[in-house]
Amino acid sequence: MKIVLTEFVTLDGVSQGPGSPTEDTSDDFTRGGWLVPYLDEVFVRRTSDWLGLADGLLLGRRTYEAFARDWPQITDPNDPFTERMNSLPKYVVTNTLAEGGWHPTTLLRGDPIHTVGELKGQPGRELQIHGSARLGKALLAAGLVDTLRLVVAPTVAGSGRRLLDQPGASVGLRLVHHEATAKGLLLLEYEHVGTAPVGEYQGATTFDQSPRHDPATA
């Protein structure tokens, strides 16, 4: 299976509490709900399409417990996410959770790099990480993430946990899809291509080798 990391982030990289002021108040975070003002039909359609590609959800303990608490309580039959979220297999990376009551759930014990690596080798389409930023960036640094999908909100939170805020291995990404919504969300999809390339700027010809048009010869 491909491992796909899907995250909602602010312009300053905060991924904590996008959906509600009370969603995640850990570390005294009080600025949750920053994504909600920008939601529209394009966002719902695209993220629903993404979820439709999943054959399983890969979650950390904290995100799993929050999802297990909230998703089974959503009863709107027209909600495009609820049935998929509740029915998909869940794989939880944890050494502390005793059991998983949000069925079907499998607990992954031990070293997450090893256990997730084994799971990645199984047949299937996408194993999607939603939330679980600590798990996601650890797997990204380890080279296990194949695709990174970001929904970037046009806001600066100013505080909160950031998606990629810790030192680690460099990661090269190739943009394969981009889209902007009318309300200003950027929907970005990247493919992992290995170590991030580097270079040295030596003038415009470093990146622009196209022939120049001389009006005098037209």
N, C-alpha and C. Protein backbone atom coordinates (compact mmCIF):
# COMPACT_ATOMS: atom_id res chain seq x y z
N MET A 1 0.83 -1.20 0.00
CA MET A 1 0.00 0.00 0.00
C MET A 1 0.87 1.25 0.00
N LYS A 2 0.37 2.29 -0.62
CA LYS A 2 1.01 3.60 -0.51
C LYS A 2 0.61 4.24 0.81
N ILE A 3 1.55 4.91 1.45
CA ILE A 3 1.24 5.66 2.65
C ILE A 3 1.07 7.12 2.26
N VAL A 4 -0.08 7.68 2.62
CA VAL A 4 -0.43 9.04 2.23
C VAL A 4 -0.68 9.85 3.50
N LEU A 5 0.03 10.96 3.62
CA LEU A 5 -0.13 11.86 4.77
C LEU A 5 -0.99 13.04 4.34
N THR A 6 -2.15 13.18 4.97
CA THR A 6 -3.07 14.27 4.67
C THR A 6 -3.17 15.18 5.89
N GLU A 7 -2.86 16.47 5.69
CA GLU A 7 -2.86 17.40 6.82
C GLU A 7 -3.48 18.73 6.42
N PHE A 8 -4.17 19.34 7.37
CA PHE A 8 -4.67 20.70 7.24
C PHE A 8 -3.70 21.60 8.01
N VAL A 9 -3.21 22.66 7.37
CA VAL A 9 -2.22 23.52 8.01
C VAL A 9 -2.54 24.99 7.74
N THR A 10 -2.05 25.84 8.63
CA THR A 10 -2.11 27.29 8.42
C THR A 10 -0.90 27.72 7.61
N LEU A 11 -0.83 28.99 7.26
CA LEU A 11 0.32 29.49 6.52
C LEU A 11 1.61 29.40 7.33
N ASP A 12 1.49 29.43 8.67
CA ASP A 12 2.69 29.27 9.49
C ASP A 12 2.87 27.82 9.95
N GLY A 13 2.19 26.89 9.27
CA GLY A 13 2.47 25.47 9.45
C GLY A 13 1.78 24.79 10.61
N VAL A 14 0.87 25.47 11.31
CA VAL A 14 0.19 24.88 12.45
C VAL A 14 -0.84 23.87 11.96
N SER A 15 -0.83 22.68 12.56
CA SER A 15 -1.79 21.63 12.18
C SER A 15 -2.73 21.31 13.33
N GLN A 16 -2.61 21.97 14.46
CA GLN A 16 -3.39 21.65 15.65
C GLN A 16 -4.78 22.28 15.59
N GLY A 17 -5.80 21.46 15.89
CA GLY A 17 -7.15 21.96 16.08
C GLY A 17 -7.80 22.67 14.93
N PRO A 18 -7.77 22.13 13.71
CA PRO A 18 -8.35 22.88 12.58
C PRO A 18 -9.87 22.99 12.63
N GLY A 19 -10.55 22.01 13.28
CA GLY A 19 -12.00 21.92 13.12
C GLY A 19 -12.85 22.56 14.19
N SER A 20 -12.25 22.95 15.33
CA SER A 20 -13.07 23.49 16.42
C SER A 20 -12.17 24.09 17.49
N PRO A 21 -12.65 25.13 18.18
CA PRO A 21 -11.87 25.68 19.29
C PRO A 21 -11.60 24.68 20.41
N THR A 22 -12.43 23.65 20.51
CA THR A 22 -12.26 22.65 21.58
C THR A 22 -11.71 21.32 21.07
N GLU A 23 -11.37 21.25 19.78
CA GLU A 23 -10.91 19.98 19.21
C GLU A 23 -9.63 19.48 19.87
N ASP A 24 -8.67 20.37 20.07
CA ASP A 24 -7.38 20.00 20.68
C ASP A 24 -6.84 21.23 21.40
N THR A 25 -7.02 21.24 22.71
CA THR A 25 -6.56 22.38 23.52
C THR A 25 -5.30 22.04 24.30
N SER A 26 -4.63 20.96 23.94
CA SER A 26 -3.41 20.57 24.64
C SER A 26 -2.35 21.67 24.52
N ASP A 27 -1.49 21.74 25.53
CA ASP A 27 -0.46 22.78 25.62
C ASP A 27 -1.06 24.18 25.60
N ASP A 28 -2.30 24.29 26.15
CA ASP A 28 -3.00 25.57 26.28
C ASP A 28 -3.28 26.25 24.94
N PHE A 29 -3.50 25.44 23.90
CA PHE A 29 -3.82 26.00 22.58
C PHE A 29 -5.25 26.52 22.58
N THR A 30 -5.44 27.78 22.21
CA THR A 30 -6.76 28.41 22.26
C THR A 30 -7.23 28.94 20.91
N ARG A 31 -6.54 28.56 19.84
CA ARG A 31 -6.85 29.16 18.54
C ARG A 31 -7.36 28.14 17.53
N GLY A 32 -8.00 27.09 18.02
CA GLY A 32 -8.54 26.07 17.14
C GLY A 32 -9.74 26.57 16.34
N GLY A 33 -10.10 25.82 15.31
CA GLY A 33 -11.22 26.17 14.45
C GLY A 33 -10.84 27.07 13.29
N TRP A 34 -9.53 27.20 13.01
CA TRP A 34 -9.06 28.14 11.99
C TRP A 34 -9.38 27.72 10.56
N LEU A 35 -9.68 26.44 10.35
CA LEU A 35 -9.98 25.99 8.98
C LEU A 35 -11.43 26.27 8.59
N VAL A 36 -12.33 26.23 9.58
CA VAL A 36 -13.77 26.22 9.32
C VAL A 36 -14.26 27.40 8.47
N PRO A 37 -13.80 28.63 8.67
CA PRO A 37 -14.34 29.74 7.86
C PRO A 37 -14.08 29.61 6.36
N TYR A 38 -13.19 28.73 5.97
CA TYR A 38 -12.79 28.64 4.56
C TYR A 38 -13.35 27.39 3.86
N LEU A 39 -14.18 26.62 4.56
CA LEU A 39 -14.71 25.40 3.95
C LEU A 39 -15.75 25.75 2.89
N ASP A 40 -15.72 24.98 1.80
CA ASP A 40 -16.70 25.15 0.73
C ASP A 40 -16.89 23.83 0.00
N GLU A 41 -17.68 23.85 -1.06
CA GLU A 41 -18.01 22.62 -1.78
C GLU A 41 -16.79 22.00 -2.44
N VAL A 42 -15.88 22.82 -2.92
CA VAL A 42 -14.67 22.29 -3.58
C VAL A 42 -13.82 21.52 -2.57
N PHE A 43 -13.65 22.09 -1.39
CA PHE A 43 -12.90 21.40 -0.33
C PHE A 43 -13.56 20.06 0.00
N VAL A 44 -14.87 20.05 0.21
CA VAL A 44 -15.58 18.82 0.58
C VAL A 44 -15.45 17.78 -0.52
N ARG A 45 -15.62 18.19 -1.76
CA ARG A 45 -15.55 17.25 -2.88
C ARG A 45 -14.16 16.66 -3.02
N ARG A 46 -13.13 17.51 -2.94
CA ARG A 46 -11.77 17.01 -3.14
C ARG A 46 -11.35 16.10 -1.99
N THR A 47 -11.60 16.49 -0.75
CA THR A 47 -11.18 15.66 0.37
C THR A 47 -12.00 14.38 0.45
N SER A 48 -13.25 14.42 -0.01
CA SER A 48 -14.05 13.20 -0.08
C SER A 48 -13.48 12.25 -1.13
N ASP A 49 -13.03 12.81 -2.26
CA ASP A 49 -12.39 11.99 -3.29
C ASP A 49 -11.12 11.34 -2.74
N TRP A 50 -10.33 12.11 -1.98
CA TRP A 50 -9.12 11.56 -1.39
C TRP A 50 -9.45 10.40 -0.46
N LEU A 51 -10.44 10.60 0.40
CA LEU A 51 -10.80 9.54 1.36
C LEU A 51 -11.30 8.29 0.63
N GLY A 52 -11.92 8.49 -0.52
CA GLY A 52 -12.40 7.34 -1.30
C GLY A 52 -11.30 6.45 -1.81
N LEU A 53 -10.06 6.92 -1.80
CA LEU A 53 -8.92 6.12 -2.26
C LEU A 53 -8.32 5.25 -1.15
N ALA A 54 -8.80 5.43 0.07
CA ALA A 54 -8.20 4.76 1.22
C ALA A 54 -8.69 3.32 1.36
N ASP A 55 -7.74 2.44 1.71
CA ASP A 55 -8.09 1.08 2.13
C ASP A 55 -7.85 0.91 3.63
N GLY A 56 -7.42 1.99 4.30
CA GLY A 56 -7.22 1.93 5.74
C GLY A 56 -6.76 3.28 6.25
N LEU A 57 -6.93 3.49 7.55
CA LEU A 57 -6.47 4.71 8.22
C LEU A 57 -5.33 4.35 9.16
N LEU A 58 -4.27 5.12 9.13
CA LEU A 58 -3.12 4.93 10.01
C LEU A 58 -3.07 6.12 10.95
N LEU A 59 -3.18 5.86 12.26
CA LEU A 59 -3.37 6.94 13.22
C LEU A 59 -2.47 6.76 14.43
N GLY A 60 -2.09 7.89 15.04
CA GLY A 60 -1.46 7.87 16.34
C GLY A 60 -2.52 7.76 17.42
N ARG A 61 -2.11 7.48 18.65
CA ARG A 61 -3.07 7.25 19.74
C ARG A 61 -3.96 8.46 19.98
N ARG A 62 -3.38 9.65 20.06
CA ARG A 62 -4.16 10.84 20.40
C ARG A 62 -5.24 11.11 19.36
N THR A 63 -4.85 11.08 18.09
CA THR A 63 -5.84 11.30 17.03
C THR A 63 -6.88 10.20 17.02
N TYR A 64 -6.45 8.96 17.21
CA TYR A 64 -7.40 7.84 17.22
C TYR A 64 -8.46 8.04 18.30
N GLU A 65 -8.04 8.40 19.49
CA GLU A 65 -9.00 8.56 20.58
C GLU A 65 -9.99 9.70 20.29
N ALA A 66 -9.51 10.78 19.69
CA ALA A 66 -10.40 11.88 19.34
C ALA A 66 -11.38 11.47 18.24
N PHE A 67 -10.87 10.80 17.21
CA PHE A 67 -11.74 10.34 16.12
C PHE A 67 -12.76 9.32 16.62
N ALA A 68 -12.31 8.39 17.46
CA ALA A 68 -13.20 7.35 17.98
C ALA A 68 -14.31 7.93 18.84
N ARG A 69 -14.01 9.05 19.47
CA ARG A 69 -15.02 9.74 20.28
C ARG A 69 -16.04 10.47 19.41
N ASP A 70 -15.57 11.10 18.32
CA ASP A 70 -16.42 12.02 17.57
C ASP A 70 -17.12 11.42 16.36
N TRP A 71 -16.40 10.63 15.55
CA TRP A 71 -16.99 10.18 14.29
C TRP A 71 -18.22 9.29 14.46
N PRO A 72 -18.26 8.38 15.42
CA PRO A 72 -19.47 7.56 15.56
C PRO A 72 -20.70 8.36 15.98
N GLN A 73 -20.51 9.59 16.45
CA GLN A 73 -21.64 10.41 16.89
C GLN A 73 -22.28 11.20 15.76
N ILE A 74 -21.63 11.23 14.59
CA ILE A 74 -22.19 11.98 13.45
C ILE A 74 -23.24 11.11 12.76
N THR A 75 -24.45 11.60 12.71
CA THR A 75 -25.56 10.80 12.20
C THR A 75 -26.14 11.34 10.89
N ASP A 76 -25.60 12.42 10.37
CA ASP A 76 -26.11 13.00 9.13
C ASP A 76 -25.88 12.03 7.98
N PRO A 77 -26.94 11.49 7.37
CA PRO A 77 -26.76 10.52 6.28
C PRO A 77 -26.16 11.13 5.03
N ASN A 78 -26.15 12.45 4.92
CA ASN A 78 -25.59 13.11 3.74
C ASN A 78 -24.14 13.53 3.93
N ASP A 79 -23.59 13.30 5.10
CA ASP A 79 -22.19 13.64 5.32
C ASP A 79 -21.32 12.72 4.46
N PRO A 80 -20.43 13.28 3.63
CA PRO A 80 -19.68 12.45 2.68
C PRO A 80 -18.53 11.67 3.30
N PHE A 81 -18.22 11.92 4.57
CA PHE A 81 -17.06 11.30 5.20
C PHE A 81 -17.42 10.22 6.23
N THR A 82 -18.58 10.34 6.86
CA THR A 82 -18.87 9.55 8.06
C THR A 82 -18.82 8.05 7.81
N GLU A 83 -19.52 7.59 6.78
CA GLU A 83 -19.58 6.14 6.54
C GLU A 83 -18.19 5.57 6.28
N ARG A 84 -17.39 6.29 5.50
CA ARG A 84 -16.03 5.81 5.19
C ARG A 84 -15.16 5.82 6.44
N MET A 85 -15.18 6.89 7.21
CA MET A 85 -14.35 6.98 8.40
C MET A 85 -14.71 5.88 9.41
N ASN A 86 -15.98 5.60 9.55
CA ASN A 86 -16.39 4.61 10.54
C ASN A 86 -16.17 3.17 10.08
N SER A 87 -16.19 2.93 8.77
CA SER A 87 -16.11 1.56 8.28
C SER A 87 -14.70 1.12 7.88
N LEU A 88 -13.82 2.07 7.56
CA LEU A 88 -12.47 1.70 7.13
C LEU A 88 -11.69 1.02 8.26
N PRO A 89 -10.80 0.08 7.93
CA PRO A 89 -9.89 -0.47 8.94
C PRO A 89 -9.00 0.63 9.51
N LYS A 90 -8.83 0.62 10.84
CA LYS A 90 -7.97 1.59 11.51
C LYS A 90 -6.75 0.87 12.08
N TYR A 91 -5.59 1.42 11.84
CA TYR A 91 -4.34 0.89 12.38
C TYR A 91 -3.74 1.97 13.28
N VAL A 92 -3.57 1.64 14.55
CA VAL A 92 -3.16 2.63 15.54
C VAL A 92 -1.75 2.30 16.03
N VAL A 93 -0.84 3.24 15.86
CA VAL A 93 0.53 3.08 16.35
C VAL A 93 0.54 3.48 17.82
N THR A 94 0.68 2.51 18.72
CA THR A 94 0.62 2.80 20.13
C THR A 94 1.25 1.69 20.95
N ASN A 95 1.90 2.07 22.03
CA ASN A 95 2.37 1.10 23.02
C ASN A 95 1.67 1.29 24.35
N THR A 96 0.67 2.19 24.37
CA THR A 96 -0.03 2.49 25.62
C THR A 96 -1.52 2.19 25.59
N LEU A 97 -2.12 2.25 24.42
CA LEU A 97 -3.56 1.99 24.32
C LEU A 97 -3.85 0.52 24.55
N ALA A 98 -4.77 0.23 25.47
CA ALA A 98 -5.06 -1.17 25.83
C ALA A 98 -5.89 -1.87 24.76
N GLU A 99 -6.85 -1.17 24.20
CA GLU A 99 -7.70 -1.76 23.17
C GLU A 99 -8.30 -0.66 22.32
N GLY A 100 -8.78 -1.04 21.15
CA GLY A 100 -9.42 -0.08 20.27
C GLY A 100 -10.88 -0.42 20.07
N GLY A 101 -11.76 0.46 20.52
CA GLY A 101 -13.19 0.18 20.43
C GLY A 101 -13.88 0.70 19.20
N TRP A 102 -13.15 1.42 18.36
CA TRP A 102 -13.73 1.96 17.12
C TRP A 102 -13.45 0.95 16.01
N HIS A 103 -14.37 0.05 15.81
CA HIS A 103 -14.11 -1.10 14.95
C HIS A 103 -14.24 -0.74 13.47
N PRO A 104 -13.44 -1.43 12.63
CA PRO A 104 -12.40 -2.41 12.96
C PRO A 104 -11.05 -1.72 13.25
N THR A 105 -10.41 -2.08 14.35
CA THR A 105 -9.16 -1.47 14.77
C THR A 105 -8.10 -2.52 15.04
N THR A 106 -6.88 -2.25 14.57
CA THR A 106 -5.71 -3.07 14.87
C THR A 106 -4.67 -2.20 15.54
N LEU A 107 -4.15 -2.64 16.67
CA LEU A 107 -3.12 -1.89 17.38
C LEU A 107 -1.75 -2.36 16.91
N LEU A 108 -0.89 -1.41 16.55
CA LEU A 108 0.46 -1.70 16.09
C LEU A 108 1.44 -1.40 17.22
N ARG A 109 2.04 -2.44 17.80
CA ARG A 109 2.97 -2.28 18.91
C ARG A 109 4.41 -2.21 18.41
N GLY A 110 5.29 -1.75 19.28
CA GLY A 110 6.71 -1.76 18.96
C GLY A 110 7.16 -0.53 18.19
N ASP A 111 8.27 -0.67 17.47
CA ASP A 111 8.86 0.42 16.72
C ASP A 111 7.96 0.77 15.54
N PRO A 112 7.44 2.01 15.47
CA PRO A 112 6.51 2.35 14.38
C PRO A 112 7.14 2.26 13.01
N ILE A 113 8.43 2.54 12.89
CA ILE A 113 9.07 2.46 11.58
C ILE A 113 9.03 1.02 11.08
N HIS A 114 9.25 0.07 11.97
CA HIS A 114 9.23 -1.34 11.58
C HIS A 114 7.81 -1.82 11.32
N THR A 115 6.89 -1.53 12.25
CA THR A 115 5.53 -2.06 12.10
C THR A 115 4.80 -1.44 10.91
N VAL A 116 5.00 -0.13 10.71
CA VAL A 116 4.35 0.52 9.57
C VAL A 116 5.00 0.06 8.27
N GLY A 117 6.32 -0.16 8.29
CA GLY A 117 6.99 -0.68 7.11
C GLY A 117 6.43 -2.02 6.67
N GLU A 118 6.14 -2.88 7.64
CA GLU A 118 5.54 -4.18 7.31
C GLU A 118 4.14 -4.00 6.75
N LEU A 119 3.36 -3.11 7.34
CA LEU A 119 2.00 -2.87 6.87
C LEU A 119 2.01 -2.29 5.46
N LYS A 120 2.95 -1.43 5.20
CA LYS A 120 3.07 -0.81 3.87
C LYS A 120 3.30 -1.86 2.79
N GLY A 121 3.93 -2.97 3.15
CA GLY A 121 4.21 -4.01 2.18
C GLY A 121 3.01 -4.86 1.80
N GLN A 122 1.89 -4.67 2.46
CA GLN A 122 0.70 -5.44 2.14
C GLN A 122 0.00 -4.87 0.91
N PRO A 123 -0.76 -5.69 0.19
CA PRO A 123 -1.46 -5.19 -1.00
C PRO A 123 -2.57 -4.23 -0.63
N GLY A 124 -2.85 -3.30 -1.52
CA GLY A 124 -3.90 -2.34 -1.29
C GLY A 124 -3.60 -1.03 -1.99
N ARG A 125 -4.50 -0.08 -1.83
CA ARG A 125 -4.32 1.22 -2.48
C ARG A 125 -3.60 2.18 -1.52
N GLU A 126 -4.34 2.93 -0.72
CA GLU A 126 -3.72 3.92 0.15
C GLU A 126 -3.99 3.62 1.62
N LEU A 127 -2.96 3.77 2.42
CA LEU A 127 -3.07 3.77 3.87
C LEU A 127 -2.89 5.23 4.28
N GLN A 128 -3.96 5.87 4.74
CA GLN A 128 -3.96 7.32 4.91
C GLN A 128 -3.79 7.72 6.36
N ILE A 129 -2.89 8.68 6.58
CA ILE A 129 -2.70 9.31 7.88
C ILE A 129 -3.48 10.61 7.88
N HIS A 130 -4.39 10.76 8.84
CA HIS A 130 -5.14 12.00 9.02
C HIS A 130 -4.84 12.52 10.41
N GLY A 131 -4.53 13.82 10.52
CA GLY A 131 -4.07 14.30 11.81
C GLY A 131 -2.75 13.61 12.13
N SER A 132 -2.58 13.20 13.41
CA SER A 132 -1.41 12.38 13.79
C SER A 132 -0.12 12.98 13.24
N ALA A 133 0.08 14.29 13.49
CA ALA A 133 1.22 15.00 12.89
C ALA A 133 2.55 14.43 13.34
N ARG A 134 2.67 14.04 14.61
CA ARG A 134 3.94 13.49 15.09
C ARG A 134 4.29 12.20 14.35
N LEU A 135 3.30 11.33 14.22
CA LEU A 135 3.52 10.09 13.48
C LEU A 135 3.84 10.38 12.02
N GLY A 136 3.09 11.29 11.42
CA GLY A 136 3.28 11.59 10.01
C GLY A 136 4.65 12.11 9.68
N LYS A 137 5.16 13.06 10.49
CA LYS A 137 6.47 13.61 10.17
C LYS A 137 7.59 12.62 10.46
N ALA A 138 7.39 11.72 11.45
CA ALA A 138 8.39 10.68 11.70
C ALA A 138 8.48 9.72 10.52
N LEU A 139 7.33 9.35 9.97
CA LEU A 139 7.31 8.43 8.83
C LEU A 139 7.81 9.13 7.56
N LEU A 140 7.54 10.42 7.43
CA LEU A 140 8.04 11.17 6.29
C LEU A 140 9.56 11.23 6.33
N ALA A 141 10.13 11.50 7.50
CA ALA A 141 11.59 11.57 7.64
C ALA A 141 12.22 10.21 7.40
N ALA A 142 11.49 9.13 7.70
CA ALA A 142 12.01 7.77 7.51
C ALA A 142 11.86 7.28 6.08
N GLY A 143 11.25 8.08 5.23
CA GLY A 143 11.08 7.70 3.83
C GLY A 143 9.92 6.76 3.56
N LEU A 144 8.98 6.64 4.51
CA LEU A 144 7.87 5.71 4.34
C LEU A 144 6.63 6.36 3.72
N VAL A 145 6.58 7.69 3.69
CA VAL A 145 5.43 8.38 3.12
C VAL A 145 5.63 8.55 1.62
N ASP A 146 4.66 8.09 0.86
CA ASP A 146 4.73 8.20 -0.60
C ASP A 146 4.15 9.52 -1.12
N THR A 147 3.07 9.97 -0.47
CA THR A 147 2.35 11.15 -0.94
C THR A 147 2.00 12.04 0.24
N LEU A 148 2.17 13.34 0.05
CA LEU A 148 1.80 14.33 1.06
C LEU A 148 0.71 15.22 0.47
N ARG A 149 -0.45 15.26 1.12
CA ARG A 149 -1.55 16.12 0.69
C ARG A 149 -1.78 17.18 1.76
N LEU A 150 -1.73 18.43 1.35
CA LEU A 150 -1.90 19.55 2.27
C LEU A 150 -3.10 20.39 1.86
N VAL A 151 -3.88 20.78 2.85
CA VAL A 151 -4.88 21.82 2.68
C VAL A 151 -4.38 23.01 3.49
N VAL A 152 -4.00 24.08 2.80
CA VAL A 152 -3.38 25.24 3.45
C VAL A 152 -4.41 26.36 3.57
N ALA A 153 -4.70 26.75 4.81
CA ALA A 153 -5.67 27.81 5.05
C ALA A 153 -4.98 29.17 5.03
N PRO A 154 -5.64 30.21 4.50
CA PRO A 154 -5.04 31.54 4.40
C PRO A 154 -5.11 32.28 5.73
N THR A 155 -4.46 31.73 6.74
CA THR A 155 -4.48 32.34 8.06
C THR A 155 -3.18 32.00 8.79
N VAL A 156 -2.80 32.84 9.71
CA VAL A 156 -1.62 32.62 10.55
C VAL A 156 -2.10 32.40 11.98
N ALA A 157 -1.87 31.22 12.52
CA ALA A 157 -2.35 30.90 13.87
C ALA A 157 -1.49 31.58 14.94
N GLY A 158 -0.21 31.65 14.71
CA GLY A 158 0.67 32.32 15.65
C GLY A 158 1.15 31.46 16.80
N SER A 159 0.49 30.34 17.04
CA SER A 159 0.91 29.40 18.07
C SER A 159 0.28 28.05 17.74
N GLY A 160 0.74 27.02 18.43
CA GLY A 160 0.21 25.67 18.18
C GLY A 160 1.27 24.77 17.59
N ARG A 161 0.98 23.46 17.60
CA ARG A 161 1.94 22.49 17.06
C ARG A 161 2.02 22.61 15.55
N ARG A 162 3.23 22.63 15.07
CA ARG A 162 3.46 22.72 13.63
C ARG A 162 3.75 21.35 13.04
N LEU A 163 3.38 21.18 11.79
CA LEU A 163 3.51 19.88 11.15
C LEU A 163 4.96 19.47 11.02
N LEU A 164 5.82 20.35 10.55
CA LEU A 164 7.20 19.99 10.25
C LEU A 164 8.14 20.93 11.01
N ASP A 165 8.15 20.79 12.33
CA ASP A 165 8.90 21.73 13.15
C ASP A 165 10.11 21.14 13.85
N GLN A 166 10.44 19.88 13.54
CA GLN A 166 11.55 19.24 14.22
C GLN A 166 12.65 18.88 13.22
N PRO A 167 13.92 18.96 13.67
CA PRO A 167 15.02 18.56 12.78
C PRO A 167 14.88 17.10 12.36
N GLY A 168 15.32 16.82 11.17
CA GLY A 168 15.26 15.45 10.67
C GLY A 168 15.88 15.38 9.30
N ALA A 169 15.71 14.25 8.65
CA ALA A 169 16.27 14.07 7.32
C ALA A 169 15.58 15.02 6.33
N SER A 170 16.35 15.49 5.36
CA SER A 170 15.75 16.31 4.31
C SER A 170 14.85 15.44 3.44
N VAL A 171 13.80 16.05 2.92
CA VAL A 171 12.81 15.31 2.14
C VAL A 171 12.55 16.06 0.84
N GLY A 172 12.73 15.39 -0.28
CA GLY A 172 12.43 15.98 -1.58
C GLY A 172 11.01 15.66 -1.99
N LEU A 173 10.29 16.65 -2.49
CA LEU A 173 8.90 16.49 -2.90
C LEU A 173 8.69 17.05 -4.30
N ARG A 174 7.81 16.43 -5.04
CA ARG A 174 7.45 16.92 -6.38
C ARG A 174 5.96 17.23 -6.40
N LEU A 175 5.61 18.46 -6.76
CA LEU A 175 4.21 18.86 -6.82
C LEU A 175 3.53 18.18 -8.00
N VAL A 176 2.46 17.42 -7.72
CA VAL A 176 1.76 16.70 -8.78
C VAL A 176 0.34 17.24 -9.00
N HIS A 177 -0.17 18.00 -8.05
CA HIS A 177 -1.50 18.60 -8.22
C HIS A 177 -1.62 19.82 -7.34
N HIS A 178 -2.24 20.86 -7.85
CA HIS A 178 -2.52 22.04 -7.04
C HIS A 178 -3.84 22.65 -7.47
N GLU A 179 -4.53 23.21 -6.50
CA GLU A 179 -5.85 23.78 -6.75
C GLU A 179 -6.12 24.83 -5.67
N ALA A 180 -6.77 25.91 -6.06
CA ALA A 180 -7.16 26.94 -5.10
C ALA A 180 -8.68 27.06 -5.10
N THR A 181 -9.25 27.17 -3.92
CA THR A 181 -10.69 27.32 -3.82
C THR A 181 -11.05 28.81 -3.80
N ALA A 182 -12.33 29.09 -4.01
CA ALA A 182 -12.79 30.48 -4.04
C ALA A 182 -12.58 31.17 -2.69
N LYS A 183 -12.57 30.40 -1.61
CA LYS A 183 -12.38 30.98 -0.28
C LYS A 183 -10.91 31.05 0.14
N GLY A 184 -10.02 30.62 -0.75
CA GLY A 184 -8.61 30.82 -0.49
C GLY A 184 -7.83 29.63 0.01
N LEU A 185 -8.44 28.47 0.11
CA LEU A 185 -7.68 27.28 0.49
C LEU A 185 -6.81 26.83 -0.67
N LEU A 186 -5.60 26.37 -0.36
CA LEU A 186 -4.74 25.74 -1.35
C LEU A 186 -4.76 24.24 -1.11
N LEU A 187 -5.09 23.47 -2.14
CA LEU A 187 -5.09 22.02 -2.07
C LEU A 187 -3.88 21.53 -2.84
N LEU A 188 -2.92 20.99 -2.13
CA LEU A 188 -1.63 20.64 -2.73
C LEU A 188 -1.35 19.16 -2.54
N GLU A 189 -0.86 18.52 -3.59
CA GLU A 189 -0.48 17.11 -3.51
C GLU A 189 0.96 16.95 -3.99
N TYR A 190 1.78 16.34 -3.15
CA TYR A 190 3.19 16.15 -3.44
C TYR A 190 3.54 14.66 -3.45
N GLU A 191 4.49 14.33 -4.27
CA GLU A 191 5.02 12.97 -4.33
C GLU A 191 6.43 12.98 -3.73
N HIS A 192 6.71 12.01 -2.87
CA HIS A 192 8.02 11.91 -2.24
C HIS A 192 9.02 11.41 -3.28
N VAL A 193 10.14 12.14 -3.43
CA VAL A 193 11.13 11.76 -4.45
C VAL A 193 12.51 11.53 -3.85
N GLY A 194 12.60 11.35 -2.53
CA GLY A 194 13.89 11.08 -1.90
C GLY A 194 14.45 12.29 -1.19
N THR A 195 15.77 12.35 -1.12
CA THR A 195 16.43 13.46 -0.44
C THR A 195 16.21 14.76 -1.21
N ALA A 196 16.00 15.85 -0.47
CA ALA A 196 15.76 17.15 -1.11
C ALA A 196 16.99 17.59 -1.90
N PRO A 197 16.81 17.98 -3.16
CA PRO A 197 17.95 18.45 -3.95
C PRO A 197 18.38 19.84 -3.48
N VAL A 198 19.62 20.18 -3.74
CA VAL A 198 20.13 21.52 -3.43
C VAL A 198 20.92 22.03 -4.63
N GLY A 199 21.19 23.31 -4.68
CA GLY A 199 21.95 23.89 -5.77
C GLY A 199 22.50 25.24 -5.34
N GLU A 200 23.19 25.88 -6.27
CA GLU A 200 23.76 27.19 -5.99
C GLU A 200 23.34 28.15 -7.09
N TYR A 201 22.73 29.25 -6.69
CA TYR A 201 22.24 30.23 -7.64
C TYR A 201 23.40 30.94 -8.34
N GLN A 202 23.36 30.95 -9.67
CA GLN A 202 24.42 31.59 -10.45
C GLN A 202 23.85 32.54 -11.50
N GLY A 203 22.66 33.04 -11.24
CA GLY A 203 22.02 33.95 -12.18
C GLY A 203 20.82 33.32 -12.84
N ALA A 204 20.12 34.11 -13.65
CA ALA A 204 18.88 33.66 -14.26
C ALA A 204 19.07 32.44 -15.14
N THR A 205 20.24 32.29 -15.77
CA THR A 205 20.45 31.15 -16.66
C THR A 205 20.53 29.84 -15.91
N THR A 206 20.62 29.91 -14.58
CA THR A 206 20.62 28.68 -13.79
C THR A 206 19.35 27.89 -14.00
N PHE A 207 18.22 28.59 -14.17
CA PHE A 207 16.94 27.90 -14.29
C PHE A 207 16.19 28.24 -15.56
N ASP A 208 16.63 29.22 -16.30
CA ASP A 208 15.93 29.61 -17.52
C ASP A 208 16.86 29.45 -18.72
N GLN A 209 16.70 28.35 -19.44
CA GLN A 209 17.54 28.08 -20.60
C GLN A 209 16.76 28.24 -21.91
N SER A 210 15.55 28.81 -21.83
CA SER A 210 14.73 28.92 -23.03
C SER A 210 15.26 30.04 -23.92
N PRO A 211 15.11 29.90 -25.27
CA PRO A 211 15.56 30.95 -26.19
C PRO A 211 14.84 32.26 -25.92
N ARG A 212 15.56 33.36 -26.03
CA ARG A 212 14.95 34.68 -25.80
C ARG A 212 14.55 35.27 -27.16
N HIS A 213 13.39 35.93 -27.15
CA HIS A 213 12.86 36.54 -28.37
C HIS A 213 13.37 37.99 -28.48
N ASP A 214 14.02 38.31 -29.59
CA ASP A 214 14.53 39.66 -29.82
C ASP A 214 13.58 40.42 -30.70
N PRO A 215 12.86 41.43 -30.19
CA PRO A 215 11.89 42.17 -31.02
C PRO A 215 12.52 42.76 -32.27
N ALA A 216 13.82 43.05 -32.23
CA ALA A 216 14.47 43.69 -33.38
C ALA A 216 14.56 42.76 -34.58
N THR A 217 14.46 41.48 -34.36
CA THR A 217 14.57 40.51 -35.48
C THR A 217 13.22 39.98 -35.90
N ALA A 218 12.16 40.45 -35.27
CA ALA A 218 10.82 39.94 -35.58
C ALA A 218 10.37 40.45 -36.95
